[in-house]
Amino acid sequence: MGLRTIHLKLHKPGKLKREIIQKAFENYNNAFNYLLKTAFDNIDDIESNYKSPKGTYSTLSLSKWIDSKKSNELNEFDVQPFKDSLKLDFGMTMASYFVQKQTKPDMVFPNFKQDNAQVQEKLRPIYFCRYDTKRSFCLLYDPDSNKYFAKLFLMNIKNAKGRKISANKRELIYISKNPEPAKCLKRETFIIVPLSFGKWQENMLKQAIDRPEILRTARLLYKNNEYFLSMSINLPEEQEVKTTTFMGVSRGIRNDINYTIVDEKGNSIKKGSLENCRNTNDRKQIICKMANTIADIAFKNKSMVILQNLVGKGDKLSWREEGTVHKPAYGCKMYNELVRVLEYKLPQKGLPVPAKVSSVDIFHTCCVCGSNTRKNRFSETMFICTTCGASYSMDELGSRNLAVKLIKYEKTTFKLKARKTPEGMYLNNELIGLDMFVHKNENPYDRLKEEVKRLLDKKEDNYINSKLNFKDIKSILDKLVKSNFSNIEII
């Protein structure tokens, strides 16, 4: 299934409803700030006691730090409708912090306020962790007028309104597995507000009427004195596409984005450049439109998409000349945002999740002879190989090298040093930490399989002193097993 996010505007809520919404925002933000402040004072305990045996952090495990005592303390903020959501929101925030801290030890703790939240400030969105007609949030539908409404649980019992807060006394039907009419209560802890949206969002909502199970979570946003419901919808992906080509997608120095499509042998069959949408300055819209274009091209050509991994190491695409630095149109952050969108856009079309590969050499390696040196780059836009003389534009080169990365990887052999002695044979590969002796009465093939299995079973902490990280070592070993040990080269 593929997650999509749609934004629905709360259409002209009245004064009373706006007051209820604003109070809910203040309560939610004050409670969240309280959790962060308390966590900051206990950060060492959380960091050491709420990680997995593998040293990772998850939203669920971190949310368990909020025990029954802390949960009761949250009642002071009148956030009973949001307790489960607050715990998960806190867990997601802390998990993100710890993940970033593992690569950046000086990572700053998530920002929190010492004082209570104010209406005019930028407020954290209210998270709704489940779709439910009796709590959290849900949608309603008026079949007569073809209008949609949101039912938001924003108050506790103490603050429930002893009056009907509904949409013009019309009959509204729940969008749920049991599509029954909504009923009025004497005291209501929720509000019902009409929604406004475009045709694309309407298409999603129509699908939800027939398949309410696709409705998942939501966030209530406050922006420019307006309220928006940002809702996650889990739509079924298209039928799986069997890919027959590879499509490298790189950022460019002159063009915004470049792509090259090659066949299974690495022969180039199509290439081009893509420019950002110029009709809007909204960064999210620009990235979304670019991702849609790339996904359409990949689907049409049945391509496995290969992207740059710009987390940690860059691609050295920037060019300095006469004191001026020429930078790519897509910075690392913007390209990584594009990658994240493509990671769900492509599966929605039935294509595989894109592969992210190292891009440290894609703008310095010759596509003909494989020469890899920064001397090959002659100018901002021109590549001329100093070994064979082949020339390319810099924009074309990166996507071309990306497109053949997986093909070259599959052809790469596993190099194994072997040294015979009268007693047997020593086998060694320093990259993965393999160092073993096979007695002359033993079968080297069987012993190697046993040793590889042992290495795969090792914990991540045991690879701290290895030349490669745990993920790379596991990838090499998995490839070795997948090929049934047929890609070994004895040196």
Protein backbone atom coordinates (compact mmCIF):
# COMPACT_ATOMS: atom_id res chain seq x y z
CA MET A 1 0.00 0.00 0.00
CA GLY A 2 1.13 3.59 -0.65
CA LEU A 3 0.61 6.49 1.74
CA ARG A 4 -0.51 9.82 0.35
CA THR A 5 -1.22 13.04 2.19
CA ILE A 6 -4.09 15.36 1.31
CA HIS A 7 -4.83 18.79 2.77
CA LEU A 8 -8.43 19.71 3.53
CA LYS A 9 -9.36 23.23 4.62
CA LEU A 10 -11.77 23.72 7.51
CA HIS A 11 -14.33 25.90 5.79
CA LYS A 12 -15.19 29.08 7.71
CA PRO A 13 -15.62 27.75 11.26
CA GLY A 14 -17.70 30.10 13.40
CA LYS A 15 -16.48 32.08 16.40
CA LEU A 16 -17.32 29.39 18.96
CA LYS A 17 -15.65 26.63 16.97
CA ARG A 18 -12.55 28.76 16.40
CA GLU A 19 -12.30 29.35 20.15
CA ILE A 20 -12.56 25.60 20.78
CA ILE A 21 -9.91 24.87 18.15
CA GLN A 22 -7.52 27.52 19.48
CA LYS A 23 -7.92 26.26 23.05
CA ALA A 24 -7.18 22.72 21.83
CA PHE A 25 -4.01 23.98 20.11
CA GLU A 26 -2.86 25.71 23.30
CA ASN A 27 -3.57 22.64 25.46
CA TYR A 28 -1.82 20.29 23.04
CA ASN A 29 1.26 22.51 22.73
CA ASN A 30 1.53 23.09 26.48
CA ALA A 31 1.32 19.34 27.13
CA PHE A 32 3.89 18.57 24.43
CA ASN A 33 6.25 21.22 25.83
CA TYR A 34 5.85 19.67 29.27
CA LEU A 35 6.85 16.26 27.89
CA LEU A 36 9.92 17.68 26.14
CA LYS A 37 11.03 19.63 29.22
CA THR A 38 10.66 16.53 31.40
CA ALA A 39 12.49 14.41 28.81
CA PHE A 40 15.32 16.95 28.63
CA ASP A 41 15.83 16.61 32.39
CA ASN A 42 15.93 12.80 32.04
CA ILE A 43 17.65 12.48 28.66
CA ASP A 44 20.46 10.16 29.83
CA ASP A 45 17.97 7.68 31.28
CA ILE A 46 15.87 7.72 28.09
CA GLU A 47 18.88 7.36 25.80
CA SER A 48 20.26 4.33 27.64
CA ASN A 49 17.09 2.50 28.70
CA TYR A 50 14.76 2.93 25.72
CA LYS A 51 16.86 1.64 22.83
CA SER A 52 16.67 -1.81 21.26
CA PRO A 53 19.40 -4.48 21.69
CA LYS A 54 20.65 -3.38 18.26
CA GLY A 55 21.09 0.18 19.48
CA THR A 56 18.15 1.64 17.54
CA TYR A 57 15.22 3.76 18.72
CA SER A 58 11.57 3.37 17.77
CA THR A 59 8.52 5.57 18.20
CA LEU A 60 6.67 2.89 20.16
CA SER A 61 9.45 2.11 22.63
CA LEU A 62 10.14 5.80 23.34
CA SER A 63 6.44 6.53 23.83
CA LYS A 64 6.45 3.97 26.68
CA TRP A 65 8.60 6.38 28.69
CA ILE A 66 5.32 8.20 29.37
CA ASP A 67 4.13 5.93 32.18
CA SER A 68 0.84 6.11 34.08
CA LYS A 69 2.17 8.80 36.43
CA LYS A 70 3.24 11.11 33.60
CA SER A 71 0.02 10.30 31.77
CA ASN A 72 -2.01 11.46 34.77
CA GLU A 73 0.05 14.65 34.96
CA LEU A 74 -1.00 15.45 31.40
CA ASN A 75 -4.60 15.74 32.61
CA GLU A 76 -3.71 19.16 34.01
CA PHE A 77 -3.59 20.41 30.42
CA ASP A 78 -7.09 19.10 29.52
CA VAL A 79 -5.65 16.88 26.76
CA GLN A 80 -7.60 13.70 27.48
CA PRO A 81 -8.72 13.44 23.82
CA PHE A 82 -5.07 13.58 22.66
CA LYS A 83 -3.23 11.37 25.14
CA ASP A 84 -2.47 8.50 22.76
CA SER A 85 -1.59 10.96 20.01
CA LEU A 86 0.71 12.95 22.31
CA LYS A 87 2.59 9.81 23.31
CA LEU A 88 3.19 8.80 19.70
CA ASP A 89 4.01 12.37 18.64
CA PHE A 90 6.56 12.53 21.45
CA GLY A 91 7.94 9.12 20.46
CA MET A 92 8.37 10.18 16.82
CA THR A 93 10.12 13.40 17.85
CA MET A 94 12.55 11.65 20.20
CA ALA A 95 13.25 8.81 17.75
CA SER A 96 14.15 11.36 15.07
CA TYR A 97 16.41 13.17 17.55
CA PHE A 98 18.31 10.03 18.59
CA VAL A 99 18.73 8.83 15.00
CA GLN A 100 20.28 12.17 14.01
CA LYS A 101 22.40 12.22 17.17
CA GLN A 102 24.03 8.92 16.18
CA THR A 103 25.57 10.62 13.12
CA LYS A 104 25.83 14.11 14.67
CA PRO A 105 26.80 13.80 18.37
CA ASP A 106 26.31 17.55 18.86
CA MET A 107 22.70 17.38 17.63
CA VAL A 108 20.57 19.98 19.45
CA PHE A 109 17.68 18.68 21.56
CA PRO A 110 14.21 19.44 20.10
CA ASN A 111 13.16 23.00 20.88
CA PHE A 112 10.57 23.59 23.60
CA LYS A 113 9.07 26.64 25.32
CA GLN A 114 9.47 27.45 28.98
CA ASP A 115 6.15 29.35 29.06
CA ASN A 116 2.64 28.45 27.98
CA ALA A 117 1.79 28.60 24.29
CA GLN A 118 0.09 31.74 22.97
CA VAL A 119 -2.55 32.03 20.24
CA GLN A 120 -0.49 34.29 17.99
CA GLU A 121 2.59 32.04 18.06
CA LYS A 122 3.53 29.33 15.59
CA LEU A 123 1.87 26.29 17.11
CA ARG A 124 2.69 22.61 16.74
CA PRO A 125 0.04 20.74 14.71
CA ILE A 126 -2.39 18.56 16.66
CA TYR A 127 -1.75 14.91 15.81
CA PHE A 128 -4.68 12.48 15.49
CA CYS A 129 -3.22 8.97 15.75
CA ARG A 130 -6.24 6.99 14.55
CA TYR A 131 -9.36 7.23 12.42
CA ASP A 132 -12.33 6.50 14.67
CA THR A 133 -15.94 7.67 14.75
CA LYS A 134 -16.01 7.72 18.57
CA ARG A 135 -12.65 9.35 19.35
CA SER A 136 -9.73 11.16 17.71
CA PHE A 137 -11.19 12.18 14.32
CA CYS A 138 -13.33 10.98 11.44
CA LEU A 139 -15.09 12.23 8.31
CA LEU A 140 -18.78 12.55 7.47
CA TYR A 141 -20.55 12.83 4.16
CA ASP A 142 -23.77 14.49 3.02
CA PRO A 143 -24.96 12.48 -0.01
CA ASP A 144 -27.62 15.08 -0.90
CA SER A 145 -25.24 18.01 -1.30
CA ASN A 146 -22.06 16.00 -1.99
CA LYS A 147 -20.29 17.80 0.85
CA TYR A 148 -17.78 16.47 3.36
CA PHE A 149 -17.25 17.29 7.04
CA ALA A 150 -14.63 16.60 9.70
CA LYS A 151 -15.54 15.46 13.20
CA LEU A 152 -12.73 16.45 15.57
CA PHE A 153 -12.59 15.40 19.22
CA LEU A 154 -11.00 18.45 20.87
CA MET A 155 -12.50 18.62 24.39
CA ASN A 156 -12.58 16.47 27.50
CA ILE A 157 -15.78 15.66 29.40
CA LYS A 158 -15.28 18.61 31.76
CA ASN A 159 -15.23 21.09 28.88
CA ALA A 160 -17.87 19.39 26.73
CA LYS A 161 -20.42 21.73 25.21
CA GLY A 162 -24.01 21.32 26.30
CA ARG A 163 -25.33 22.34 22.93
CA LYS A 164 -25.48 20.94 19.46
CA ILE A 165 -22.48 21.82 17.31
CA SER A 166 -23.23 20.44 13.87
CA ALA A 167 -23.44 21.41 10.22
CA ASN A 168 -26.78 23.11 9.55
CA LYS A 169 -28.85 20.26 11.10
CA ARG A 170 -28.49 18.15 7.96
CA GLU A 171 -28.17 14.36 8.08
CA LEU A 172 -24.53 13.38 7.88
CA ILE A 173 -23.29 9.85 7.24
CA TYR A 174 -20.10 8.50 8.80
CA ILE A 175 -17.43 7.43 6.34
CA SER A 176 -16.78 4.10 8.04
CA LYS A 177 -17.37 0.37 7.71
CA ASN A 178 -20.75 1.03 9.32
CA PRO A 179 -22.00 4.11 7.43
CA GLU A 180 -24.68 5.15 9.90
CA PRO A 181 -26.05 8.69 10.40
CA ALA A 182 -24.35 10.88 13.00
CA LYS A 183 -26.42 11.47 16.14
CA CYS A 184 -26.55 14.52 18.39
CA LEU A 185 -25.56 14.24 22.04
CA LYS A 186 -26.57 16.34 25.03
CA ARG A 187 -22.94 17.08 25.78
CA GLU A 188 -20.45 16.88 22.94
CA THR A 189 -16.65 16.69 23.18
CA PHE A 190 -16.26 17.21 19.45
CA ILE A 191 -16.97 19.75 16.75
CA ILE A 192 -18.16 19.12 13.19
CA VAL A 193 -16.88 21.47 10.51
CA PRO A 194 -17.38 21.56 6.71
CA LEU A 195 -14.36 20.97 4.48
CA SER A 196 -13.26 22.64 1.25
CA PHE A 197 -10.76 21.16 -1.23
CA GLY A 198 -9.92 20.62 -4.89
CA LYS A 199 -10.91 17.92 -7.38
CA TRP A 200 -7.83 15.80 -6.67
CA GLN A 201 -8.67 15.61 -2.96
CA GLU A 202 -12.31 14.91 -3.79
CA ASN A 203 -11.27 11.88 -5.81
CA MET A 204 -9.44 10.52 -2.76
CA LEU A 205 -12.44 11.11 -0.51
CA LYS A 206 -14.77 9.34 -2.94
CA GLN A 207 -12.52 6.31 -2.77
CA ALA A 208 -12.68 6.50 1.03
CA ILE A 209 -16.48 6.23 0.99
CA ASP A 210 -16.19 2.79 -0.60
CA ARG A 211 -13.02 1.82 1.27
CA PRO A 212 -12.93 3.64 4.63
CA GLU A 213 -10.01 1.46 5.76
CA ILE A 214 -7.67 3.62 3.64
CA LEU A 215 -8.14 6.56 6.08
CA ARG A 216 -5.32 6.59 8.64
CA THR A 217 -3.96 9.51 10.68
CA ALA A 218 -4.18 13.29 10.46
CA ARG A 219 -2.71 16.55 11.74
CA LEU A 220 -4.64 19.75 12.36
CA LEU A 221 -2.60 22.72 11.10
CA TYR A 222 -2.90 26.45 11.76
CA LYS A 223 -1.56 28.66 8.97
CA ASN A 224 -2.30 32.26 8.00
CA ASN A 225 -5.31 32.38 10.33
CA GLU A 226 -6.81 29.31 8.61
CA TYR A 227 -7.14 25.68 9.73
CA PHE A 228 -6.23 22.66 7.63
CA LEU A 229 -6.59 18.93 8.17
CA SER A 230 -3.55 17.15 6.73
CA MET A 231 -4.68 13.54 6.37
CA SER A 232 -2.80 10.35 5.47
CA ILE A 233 -4.56 7.99 3.07
CA ASN A 234 -3.26 4.50 2.33
CA LEU A 235 -4.17 3.85 -1.29
CA PRO A 236 -3.53 0.53 -3.05
CA GLU A 237 -0.62 0.57 -5.43
CA GLU A 238 -0.89 -0.28 -9.08
CA GLN A 239 -0.16 -3.82 -10.26
CA GLU A 240 3.53 -4.63 -9.87
CA VAL A 241 5.60 -3.63 -12.89
CA LYS A 242 8.41 -5.93 -13.99
CA THR A 243 11.28 -3.55 -14.71
CA THR A 244 13.45 -4.04 -17.79
CA THR A 245 15.56 -0.86 -17.68
CA PHE A 246 17.48 1.29 -15.20
CA MET A 247 16.91 5.03 -14.79
CA GLY A 248 19.56 7.18 -13.13
CA VAL A 249 18.25 10.49 -11.73
CA SER A 250 20.86 13.05 -10.69
CA ARG A 251 20.87 16.72 -9.87
CA GLY A 252 22.48 19.03 -12.42
CA ILE A 253 24.77 22.03 -12.49
CA ARG A 254 22.78 23.82 -15.21
CA ASN A 255 19.60 21.74 -15.42
CA ASP A 256 17.48 21.14 -12.34
CA ILE A 257 17.34 17.36 -12.72
CA ASN A 258 18.85 14.98 -15.31
CA TYR A 259 17.99 11.39 -16.14
CA THR A 260 19.44 8.58 -18.24
CA ILE A 261 17.74 5.28 -19.03
CA VAL A 262 19.83 2.21 -19.93
CA ASP A 263 18.92 -1.36 -20.86
CA GLU A 264 19.94 -4.42 -18.84
CA LYS A 265 23.36 -4.43 -20.55
CA GLY A 266 24.03 -0.79 -19.72
CA ASN A 267 23.40 0.63 -23.18
CA SER A 268 21.92 4.14 -23.11
CA ILE A 269 18.45 4.24 -24.69
CA LYS A 270 17.07 7.58 -23.48
CA LYS A 271 18.26 10.70 -21.69
CA GLY A 272 16.91 14.13 -20.83
CA SER A 273 16.66 16.99 -18.38
CA LEU A 274 13.77 18.19 -16.24
CA GLU A 275 13.02 21.72 -15.06
CA ASN A 276 11.11 22.78 -11.96
CA CYS A 277 7.55 24.01 -12.23
CA ARG A 278 7.67 27.81 -12.62
CA ASN A 279 3.99 28.43 -11.77
CA THR A 280 4.51 28.35 -8.01
CA ASN A 281 7.06 29.25 -5.37
CA ASP A 282 5.79 26.57 -3.00
CA ARG A 283 8.75 24.22 -2.48
CA LYS A 284 6.59 21.21 -1.64
CA GLN A 285 4.52 21.64 -4.80
CA ILE A 286 7.66 22.01 -6.92
CA ILE A 287 9.15 18.80 -5.52
CA CYS A 288 5.85 16.93 -5.82
CA LYS A 289 5.43 17.90 -9.48
CA MET A 290 9.03 16.90 -10.23
CA ALA A 291 8.49 13.54 -8.52
CA ASN A 292 5.30 12.95 -10.53
CA THR A 293 7.18 13.64 -13.79
CA ILE A 294 10.01 11.26 -12.86
CA ALA A 295 7.53 8.56 -11.80
CA ASP A 296 5.64 8.90 -15.10
CA ILE A 297 8.86 8.53 -17.14
CA ALA A 298 9.96 5.53 -15.06
CA PHE A 299 6.56 3.86 -15.45
CA LYS A 300 6.49 4.44 -19.21
CA ASN A 301 9.95 2.90 -19.60
CA LYS A 302 9.51 0.16 -16.95
CA SER A 303 12.55 1.49 -15.12
CA MET A 304 14.19 0.67 -11.83
CA VAL A 305 15.03 4.17 -10.54
CA ILE A 306 18.48 4.81 -9.07
CA LEU A 307 19.01 7.93 -6.96
CA GLN A 308 21.91 9.70 -5.31
CA ASN A 309 22.50 9.06 -1.61
CA LEU A 310 23.44 12.55 -0.45
CA VAL A 311 23.24 11.80 3.27
CA GLY A 312 26.68 12.05 4.81
CA LYS A 313 28.81 12.40 1.67
CA GLY A 314 28.18 14.77 -1.24
CA ASP A 315 28.87 14.43 -4.97
CA LYS A 316 31.37 17.30 -5.45
CA LEU A 317 29.21 18.81 -8.20
CA SER A 318 29.77 22.44 -7.17
CA TRP A 319 32.46 24.27 -9.20
CA ARG A 320 34.69 27.16 -8.14
CA GLU A 321 35.99 29.49 -10.84
CA GLU A 322 37.56 32.94 -10.50
CA GLY A 323 36.32 33.30 -6.94
CA THR A 324 32.75 32.33 -7.83
CA VAL A 325 31.15 29.09 -6.65
CA HIS A 326 28.65 27.56 -9.08
CA LYS A 327 26.18 25.40 -7.17
CA PRO A 328 23.60 22.86 -8.38
CA ALA A 329 20.00 24.03 -8.77
CA TYR A 330 18.99 21.31 -6.30
CA GLY A 331 20.87 21.55 -3.01
CA CYS A 332 21.43 18.35 -1.02
CA LYS A 333 18.44 19.07 1.23
CA MET A 334 16.06 19.69 -1.67
CA TYR A 335 17.27 16.60 -3.56
CA ASN A 336 16.84 14.46 -0.42
CA GLU A 337 13.27 15.77 -0.12
CA LEU A 338 12.69 14.67 -3.72
CA VAL A 339 14.09 11.23 -2.83
CA ARG A 340 11.64 10.89 0.07
CA VAL A 341 8.69 11.72 -2.18
CA LEU A 342 9.84 9.26 -4.86
CA GLU A 343 10.12 6.53 -2.23
CA TYR A 344 6.33 6.42 -2.05
CA LYS A 345 5.39 7.80 -5.48
CA LEU A 346 7.13 4.99 -7.40
CA PRO A 347 5.54 2.07 -5.48
CA GLN A 348 2.15 3.69 -6.06
CA LYS A 349 2.72 3.04 -9.76
CA GLY A 350 3.77 -0.55 -9.13
CA LEU A 351 7.49 0.20 -9.50
CA PRO A 352 10.13 -0.90 -6.97
CA VAL A 353 11.30 1.40 -4.20
CA PRO A 354 14.17 3.43 -5.72
CA ALA A 355 17.74 2.38 -4.99
CA LYS A 356 19.95 4.97 -3.28
CA VAL A 357 23.63 4.60 -4.10
CA SER A 358 26.84 6.46 -3.31
CA SER A 359 27.40 9.41 -5.62
CA VAL A 360 30.92 10.46 -4.57
CA ASP A 361 32.39 9.56 -7.99
CA ILE A 362 29.57 9.98 -10.50
CA PHE A 363 30.79 13.37 -11.75
CA HIS A 364 34.45 12.33 -12.08
CA THR A 365 34.25 8.83 -13.58
CA CYS A 366 34.50 8.19 -17.33
CA CYS A 367 31.62 6.13 -18.73
CA VAL A 368 33.95 4.60 -21.37
CA CYS A 369 37.16 3.55 -19.61
CA GLY A 370 36.21 3.98 -15.94
CA SER A 371 38.97 6.48 -15.16
CA ASN A 372 38.10 8.18 -11.88
CA THR A 373 39.91 11.44 -11.13
CA ARG A 374 38.88 15.02 -10.45
CA LYS A 375 41.28 16.07 -13.23
CA ASN A 376 38.67 14.78 -15.72
CA ARG A 377 36.50 17.82 -15.03
CA PHE A 378 37.63 20.71 -17.21
CA SER A 379 35.00 23.31 -16.41
CA GLU A 380 31.68 23.91 -14.72
CA THR A 381 29.80 22.01 -17.42
CA MET A 382 32.40 19.94 -19.32
CA PHE A 383 33.97 16.53 -18.60
CA ILE A 384 36.91 15.30 -20.71
CA CYS A 385 38.56 12.01 -19.73
CA THR A 386 42.34 12.47 -19.34
CA THR A 387 42.84 8.78 -20.10
CA CYS A 388 40.73 8.00 -23.20
CA GLY A 389 39.57 11.46 -24.31
CA ALA A 390 35.82 10.79 -24.06
CA SER A 391 33.80 13.95 -23.38
CA TYR A 392 30.42 14.53 -21.76
CA SER A 393 28.41 17.39 -20.37
CA MET A 394 28.46 17.31 -16.56
CA ASP A 395 24.68 17.18 -16.49
CA GLU A 396 24.58 14.03 -18.62
CA LEU A 397 27.50 12.31 -16.87
CA GLY A 398 26.03 11.99 -13.38
CA SER A 399 22.75 10.35 -14.38
CA ARG A 400 24.61 8.06 -16.84
CA ASN A 401 26.91 6.76 -14.12
CA LEU A 402 23.99 6.35 -11.73
CA ALA A 403 22.01 4.34 -14.27
CA VAL A 404 24.69 1.62 -14.54
CA LYS A 405 25.55 1.44 -10.83
CA LEU A 406 23.45 -1.64 -10.09
CA ILE A 407 24.62 -3.41 -13.25
CA LYS A 408 28.26 -2.89 -12.25
CA TYR A 409 27.48 -3.92 -8.69
CA GLU A 410 26.02 -7.24 -9.82
CA LYS A 411 29.16 -7.92 -11.87
CA THR A 412 31.50 -7.11 -8.98
CA THR A 413 33.21 -10.22 -7.64
CA PHE A 414 33.88 -11.06 -4.00
CA LYS A 415 37.67 -11.05 -3.69
CA LEU A 416 39.06 -13.71 -1.37
CA LYS A 417 42.73 -13.98 -0.50
CA ALA A 418 43.86 -17.61 -0.31
CA ARG A 419 47.16 -18.97 1.01
CA LYS A 420 47.94 -22.68 1.01
CA THR A 421 50.00 -24.43 3.68
CA PRO A 422 50.81 -28.11 4.25
CA GLU A 423 48.09 -28.21 6.92
CA GLY A 424 45.37 -26.51 4.88
CA MET A 425 44.37 -23.08 3.55
CA TYR A 426 43.98 -19.54 4.95
CA LEU A 427 41.06 -17.49 3.56
CA ASN A 428 40.87 -13.75 4.19
CA ASN A 429 38.83 -10.66 3.27
CA GLU A 430 39.65 -7.63 5.41
CA LEU A 431 36.66 -5.56 4.27
CA ILE A 432 34.08 -7.82 5.91
CA GLY A 433 36.33 -9.12 8.69
CA LEU A 434 36.62 -12.67 7.32
CA ASP A 435 39.77 -14.47 8.50
CA MET A 436 39.66 -18.26 8.68
CA PHE A 437 41.70 -21.42 8.36
CA VAL A 438 40.41 -24.52 6.55
CA HIS A 439 42.07 -27.81 7.45
CA LYS A 440 43.17 -29.96 4.51
CA ASN A 441 40.60 -32.61 5.48
CA GLU A 442 37.74 -30.07 5.35
CA ASN A 443 35.76 -28.80 2.36
CA PRO A 444 36.68 -25.08 1.86
CA TYR A 445 33.31 -24.37 0.22
CA ASP A 446 31.31 -25.76 3.14
CA ARG A 447 33.51 -24.04 5.73
CA LEU A 448 33.17 -20.70 3.93
CA LYS A 449 29.38 -21.02 3.95
CA GLU A 450 29.46 -21.70 7.70
CA GLU A 451 31.70 -18.69 8.34
CA VAL A 452 29.52 -16.36 6.26
CA LYS A 453 26.45 -17.53 8.18
CA ARG A 454 28.30 -16.79 11.44
CA LEU A 455 29.17 -13.29 10.22
CA LEU A 456 25.55 -12.65 9.24
CA ASP A 457 24.41 -13.67 12.72
CA LYS A 458 26.83 -11.27 14.44
CA LYS A 459 25.36 -8.21 16.13
CA GLU A 460 25.97 -4.72 14.80
CA ASP A 461 28.13 -3.80 17.82
CA ASN A 462 30.65 -6.50 16.85
CA TYR A 463 31.52 -4.64 13.64
CA ILE A 464 32.67 -1.41 15.30
CA ASN A 465 36.34 -1.92 14.29
CA SER A 466 35.59 -3.12 10.74
CA LYS A 467 36.61 -1.10 7.67
CA LEU A 468 33.00 -1.05 6.44
CA ASN A 469 29.84 -0.29 8.38
CA PHE A 470 27.38 -2.98 9.37
CA LYS A 471 24.94 -2.19 6.56
CA ASP A 472 27.61 -2.46 3.83
CA ILE A 473 29.02 -5.70 5.24
CA LYS A 474 25.57 -7.27 5.41
CA SER A 475 24.90 -6.18 1.81
CA ILE A 476 28.09 -7.90 0.60
CA LEU A 477 27.32 -11.09 2.52
CA ASP A 478 23.71 -11.16 1.32
CA LYS A 479 24.89 -10.78 -2.27
CA LEU A 480 27.35 -13.66 -1.76
CA VAL A 481 24.61 -15.93 -0.42
CA LYS A 482 22.15 -14.86 -3.15
CA SER A 483 24.67 -15.84 -5.86
CA ASN A 484 25.23 -19.18 -4.09
CA PHE A 485 28.90 -18.21 -3.65
CA SER A 486 29.45 -18.23 -7.42
CA ASN A 487 30.86 -14.67 -7.62
CA ILE A 488 34.07 -15.41 -5.68
CA GLU A 489 37.42 -14.37 -7.15
CA ILE A 490 40.50 -15.96 -5.57
CA ILE A 491 43.49 -13.60 -5.42
